[in-house]
PDB file of N, CA and C in Angstrom:
ATOM      1  N   MET A   1       0.710  -1.045   0.202  1.00  0.00           N
ATOM      2  CA  MET A   1       0.108  -0.193  -0.045  1.00  0.00           C
ATOM      3  C   MET A   1       0.894   1.263   0.233  1.00  0.00           C
ATOM      4  N   SER A   2       1.963   1.533  -0.239  1.00  0.00           N
ATOM      5  CA  SER A   2       2.771   2.480  -0.528  1.00  0.00           C
ATOM      6  C   SER A   2       2.760   3.308  -1.365  1.00  0.00           C
ATOM      7  N   ASN A   3       1.737   3.071  -2.650  1.00  0.00           N
ATOM      8  CA  ASN A   3       1.382   3.810  -3.309  1.00  0.00           C
ATOM      9  C   ASN A   3       0.238   4.783  -3.186  1.00  0.00           C
ATOM     10  N   VAL A   4      -0.508   4.654  -1.902  1.00  0.00           N
ATOM     11  CA  VAL A   4      -1.627   5.282  -1.650  1.00  0.00           C
ATOM     12  C   VAL A   4      -1.069   6.838  -1.371  1.00  0.00           C
ATOM     13  N   ILE A   5      -1.918   7.658  -2.058  1.00  0.00           N
ATOM     14  CA  ILE A   5      -1.670   9.123  -2.428  1.00  0.00           C
ATOM     15  C   ILE A   5      -2.660   9.463  -1.261  1.00  0.00           C
ATOM     16  N   ARG A   6      -2.561  10.614  -0.550  1.00  0.00           N
ATOM     17  CA  ARG A   6      -3.170  11.148   0.945  1.00  0.00           C
ATOM     18  C   ARG A   6      -3.004  12.590   0.524  1.00  0.00           C
ATOM     19  N   VAL A   7      -3.638  13.369   1.306  1.00  0.00           N
ATOM     20  CA  VAL A   7      -3.766  14.978   1.548  1.00  0.00           C
ATOM     21  C   VAL A   7      -4.317  15.127   2.864  1.00  0.00           C
ATOM     22  N   LYS A   8      -3.046  15.863   3.639  1.00  0.00           N
ATOM     23  CA  LYS A   8      -3.768  15.559   5.234  1.00  0.00           C
ATOM     24  C   LYS A   8      -3.721  17.086   5.278  1.00  0.00           C
ATOM     25  N   PRO A   9      -4.370  17.850   6.329  1.00  0.00           N
ATOM     26  CA  PRO A   9      -3.895  19.165   6.512  1.00  0.00           C
ATOM     27  C   PRO A   9      -2.913  18.932   7.845  1.00  0.00           C
ATOM     28  N   THR A  10      -2.058  20.487   7.961  1.00  0.00           N
ATOM     29  CA  THR A  10      -1.114  20.227   9.029  1.00  0.00           C
ATOM     30  C   THR A  10      -1.449  21.468  10.073  1.00  0.00           C
ATOM     31  N   HIS A  11      -0.944  21.602  11.050  1.00  0.00           N
ATOM     32  CA  HIS A  11      -1.565  22.464  12.082  1.00  0.00           C
ATOM     33  C   HIS A  11      -1.424  23.961  11.987  1.00  0.00           C
ATOM     34  N   ASP A  12      -0.428  24.422  10.790  1.00  0.00           N
ATOM     35  CA  ASP A  12      -0.442  25.844  10.722  1.00  0.00           C
ATOM     36  C   ASP A  12      -1.372  25.948   9.270  1.00  0.00           C
ATOM     37  N   GLY A  13      -2.315  25.193   9.165  1.00  0.00           N
ATOM     38  CA  GLY A  13      -3.183  25.674   7.977  1.00  0.00           C
ATOM     39  C   GLY A  13      -3.062  25.330   6.783  1.00  0.00           C
ATOM     40  N   THR A  14      -1.864  24.726   6.346  1.00  0.00           N
ATOM     41  CA  THR A  14      -1.545  24.374   4.894  1.00  0.00           C
ATOM     42  C   THR A  14      -1.831  22.713   5.056  1.00  0.00           C
ATOM     43  N   TYR A  15      -1.589  22.378   3.662  1.00  0.00           N
ATOM     44  CA  TYR A  15      -1.778  20.989   3.311  1.00  0.00           C
ATOM     45  C   TYR A  15      -0.613  20.144   2.910  1.00  0.00           C
ATOM     46  N   THR A  16      -0.374  18.900   3.094  1.00  0.00           N
ATOM     47  CA  THR A  16       0.914  17.996   2.885  1.00  0.00           C
ATOM     48  C   THR A  16       0.039  16.936   1.972  1.00  0.00           C
ATOM     49  N   VAL A  17       0.977  16.201   1.096  1.00  0.00           N
ATOM     50  CA  VAL A  17       0.593  15.516  -0.066  1.00  0.00           C
ATOM     51  C   VAL A  17       1.401  14.377   0.177  1.00  0.00           C
ATOM     52  N   TYR A  18       0.895  13.001   0.566  1.00  0.00           N
ATOM     53  CA  TYR A  18       1.845  11.798   1.064  1.00  0.00           C
ATOM     54  C   TYR A  18       1.493  10.645   0.196  1.00  0.00           C
ATOM     55  N   ARG A  19       2.705  10.314  -0.268  1.00  0.00           N
ATOM     56  CA  ARG A  19       2.681   8.787  -1.012  1.00  0.00           C
ATOM     57  C   ARG A  19       3.258   7.796   0.129  1.00  0.00           C
ATOM     58  N   GLY A  20       2.040   6.996   0.614  1.00  0.00           N
ATOM     59  CA  GLY A  20       2.627   6.148   1.717  1.00  0.00           C
ATOM     60  C   GLY A  20       3.083   6.955   2.834  1.00  0.00           C
ATOM     61  N   GLU A  21       4.381   6.425   3.206  1.00  0.00           N
ATOM     62  CA  GLU A  21       4.838   7.130   4.530  1.00  0.00           C
ATOM     63  C   GLU A  21       5.596   8.513   4.283  1.00  0.00           C
ATOM     64  N   ALA A  22       6.160   8.766   2.720  1.00  0.00           N
ATOM     65  CA  ALA A  22       6.684   9.945   2.489  1.00  0.00           C
ATOM     66  C   ALA A  22       6.034  10.855   1.833  1.00  0.00           C
ATOM     67  N   VAL A  23       6.531  12.093   2.497  1.00  0.00           N
ATOM     68  CA  VAL A  23       5.914  13.682   2.085  1.00  0.00           C
ATOM     69  C   VAL A  23       6.482  13.580   0.543  1.00  0.00           C
ATOM     70  N   LEU A  24       5.861  14.081  -0.151  1.00  0.00           N
ATOM     71  CA  LEU A  24       5.650  14.580  -1.943  1.00  0.00           C
ATOM     72  C   LEU A  24       5.703  16.100  -1.764  1.00  0.00           C
ATOM     73  N   VAL A  25       5.052  16.820  -0.766  1.00  0.00           N
ATOM     74  CA  VAL A  25       5.045  18.229  -1.070  1.00  0.00           C
ATOM     75  C   VAL A  25       4.082  18.499   0.226  1.00  0.00           C
ATOM     76  N   SER A  26       4.625  19.629   0.638  1.00  0.00           N
ATOM     77  CA  SER A  26       3.920  20.209   1.814  1.00  0.00           C
ATOM     78  C   SER A  26       3.596  21.959   1.340  1.00  0.00           C
ATOM     79  N   GLY A  27       3.076  22.539   2.487  1.00  0.00           N
ATOM     80  CA  GLY A  27       2.934  23.876   2.458  1.00  0.00           C
ATOM     81  C   GLY A  27       2.065  24.042   1.609  1.00  0.00           C
ATOM     82  N   LEU A  28       1.077  23.416   1.202  1.00  0.00           N
ATOM     83  CA  LEU A  28       0.073  24.189  -0.112  1.00  0.00           C
ATOM     84  C   LEU A  28      -1.091  24.573   0.466  1.00  0.00           C
ATOM     85  N   THR A  29      -1.872  24.981  -0.492  1.00  0.00           N
ATOM     86  CA  THR A  29      -3.102  25.562   0.239  1.00  0.00           C
ATOM     87  C   THR A  29      -4.106  23.568  -0.330  1.00  0.00           C
ATOM     88  N   ARG A  30      -5.094  24.053   0.069  1.00  0.00           N
ATOM     89  CA  ARG A  30      -5.831  22.866  -0.131  1.00  0.00           C
ATOM     90  C   ARG A  30      -6.374  22.898  -1.414  1.00  0.00           C
ATOM     91  N   LEU A  31      -6.625  23.474  -2.347  1.00  0.00           N
ATOM     92  CA  LEU A  31      -6.817  23.290  -3.814  1.00  0.00           C
ATOM     93  C   LEU A  31      -5.481  22.993  -4.590  1.00  0.00           C
ATOM     94  N   GLN A  32      -4.540  23.672  -4.359  1.00  0.00           N
ATOM     95  CA  GLN A  32      -3.033  23.342  -4.453  1.00  0.00           C
ATOM     96  C   GLN A  32      -2.560  21.507  -4.411  1.00  0.00           C
ATOM     97  N   ALA A  33      -3.061  21.391  -3.270  1.00  0.00           N
ATOM     98  CA  ALA A  33      -2.852  19.841  -2.414  1.00  0.00           C
ATOM     99  C   ALA A  33      -3.989  18.884  -3.541  1.00  0.00           C
ATOM    100  N   GLU A  34      -4.941  19.216  -3.470  1.00  0.00           N
ATOM    101  CA  GLU A  34      -5.785  18.554  -4.442  1.00  0.00           C
ATOM    102  C   GLU A  34      -5.521  18.363  -5.573  1.00  0.00           C
ATOM    103  N   ARG A  35      -5.107  19.762  -6.187  1.00  0.00           N
ATOM    104  CA  ARG A  35      -4.773  19.288  -7.802  1.00  0.00           C
ATOM    105  C   ARG A  35      -3.179  18.879  -7.957  1.00  0.00           C
ATOM    106  N   TYR A  36      -2.500  18.545  -7.401  1.00  0.00           N
ATOM    107  CA  TYR A  36      -1.466  17.955  -7.244  1.00  0.00           C
ATOM    108  C   TYR A  36      -1.792  16.302  -7.251  1.00  0.00           C
ATOM    109  N   GLU A  37      -2.578  15.788  -6.273  1.00  0.00           N
ATOM    110  CA  GLU A  37      -2.922  14.632  -5.851  1.00  0.00           C
ATOM    111  C   GLU A  37      -3.857  13.833  -7.029  1.00  0.00           C
ATOM    112  N   ALA A  38      -4.391  14.726  -7.939  1.00  0.00           N
ATOM    113  CA  ALA A  38      -5.253  14.445  -9.126  1.00  0.00           C
ATOM    114  C   ALA A  38      -4.361  14.039 -10.241  1.00  0.00           C
ATOM    115  N   SER A  39      -3.165  15.341 -10.213  1.00  0.00           N
ATOM    116  CA  SER A  39      -2.323  14.733 -10.889  1.00  0.00           C
ATOM    117  C   SER A  39      -1.454  13.792 -11.377  1.00  0.00           C
ATOM    118  N   LEU A  40      -1.047  13.494  -9.924  1.00  0.00           N
ATOM    119  CA  LEU A  40      -0.094  12.251  -9.421  1.00  0.00           C
ATOM    120  C   LEU A  40      -1.129  10.958  -9.936  1.00  0.00           C
ATOM    121  N   ALA A  41      -2.569  10.926  -9.797  1.00  0.00           N
ATOM    122  CA  ALA A  41      -3.735   9.907  -9.877  1.00  0.00           C
ATOM    123  C   ALA A  41      -3.469   9.703 -11.296  1.00  0.00           C
ATOM    124  N   ALA A  42      -3.810  10.917 -12.251  1.00  0.00           N
ATOM    125  CA  ALA A  42      -4.017  10.762 -13.494  1.00  0.00           C
ATOM    126  C   ALA A  42      -2.616  10.450 -14.660  1.00  0.00           C
ATOM    127  N   GLN A  43      -1.209  10.446 -13.805  1.00  0.00           N
ATOM    128  CA  GLN A  43      -0.040  10.002 -14.353  1.00  0.00           C
ATOM    129  C   GLN A  43      -0.206   8.486 -13.918  1.00  0.00           C
ATOM    130  N   ALA A  44      -0.420   8.090 -12.753  1.00  0.00           N
ATOM    131  CA  ALA A  44      -0.387   6.686 -12.805  1.00  0.00           C
ATOM    132  C   ALA A  44      -1.308   5.990 -13.482  1.00  0.00           C
ATOM    133  N   LYS A  45      -2.535   6.575 -13.713  1.00  0.00           N
ATOM    134  CA  LYS A  45      -3.535   5.842 -14.661  1.00  0.00           C
ATOM    135  C   LYS A  45      -3.164   5.716 -16.081  1.00  0.00           C
ATOM    136  N   VAL A  46      -1.854   6.616 -16.387  1.00  0.00           N
ATOM    137  CA  VAL A  46      -1.501   6.334 -17.955  1.00  0.00           C
ATOM    138  C   VAL A  46      -0.654   5.341 -17.769  1.00  0.00           C
ATOM    139  N   LEU A  47       0.135   5.344 -16.405  1.00  0.00           N
ATOM    140  CA  LEU A  47       1.319   4.342 -16.527  1.00  0.00           C
ATOM    141  C   LEU A  47       0.682   2.874 -16.674  1.00  0.00           C
ATOM    142  N   GLU A  48      -0.245   2.803 -16.101  1.00  0.00           N
ATOM    143  CA  GLU A  48      -1.256   1.463 -15.834  1.00  0.00           C
ATOM    144  C   GLU A  48      -1.775   1.165 -17.141  1.00  0.00           C
ATOM    145  N   ASP A  49      -2.360   2.213 -17.914  1.00  0.00           N
ATOM    146  CA  ASP A  49      -2.692   2.067 -19.242  1.00  0.00           C
ATOM    147  C   ASP A  49      -1.614   1.346 -20.259  1.00  0.00           C
ATOM    148  N   ALA A  50      -0.540   2.226 -19.695  1.00  0.00           N
ATOM    149  CA  ALA A  50       0.401   1.578 -21.402  1.00  0.00           C
ATOM    150  C   ALA A  50       0.922   0.222 -21.356  1.00  0.00           C
TER     151      ALA A  50
END
């Protein structure tokens, strides 16, 4: 399950995107984090379909 992508809020009001236990990016707004998560999911789908 290390490929699970999650968005979690932080104590300072920003959001962090994780893949498994690894932090991919932090300090984002909620919209930025959701867009980043969506782009990763789209990339993964393209790779699966290839």
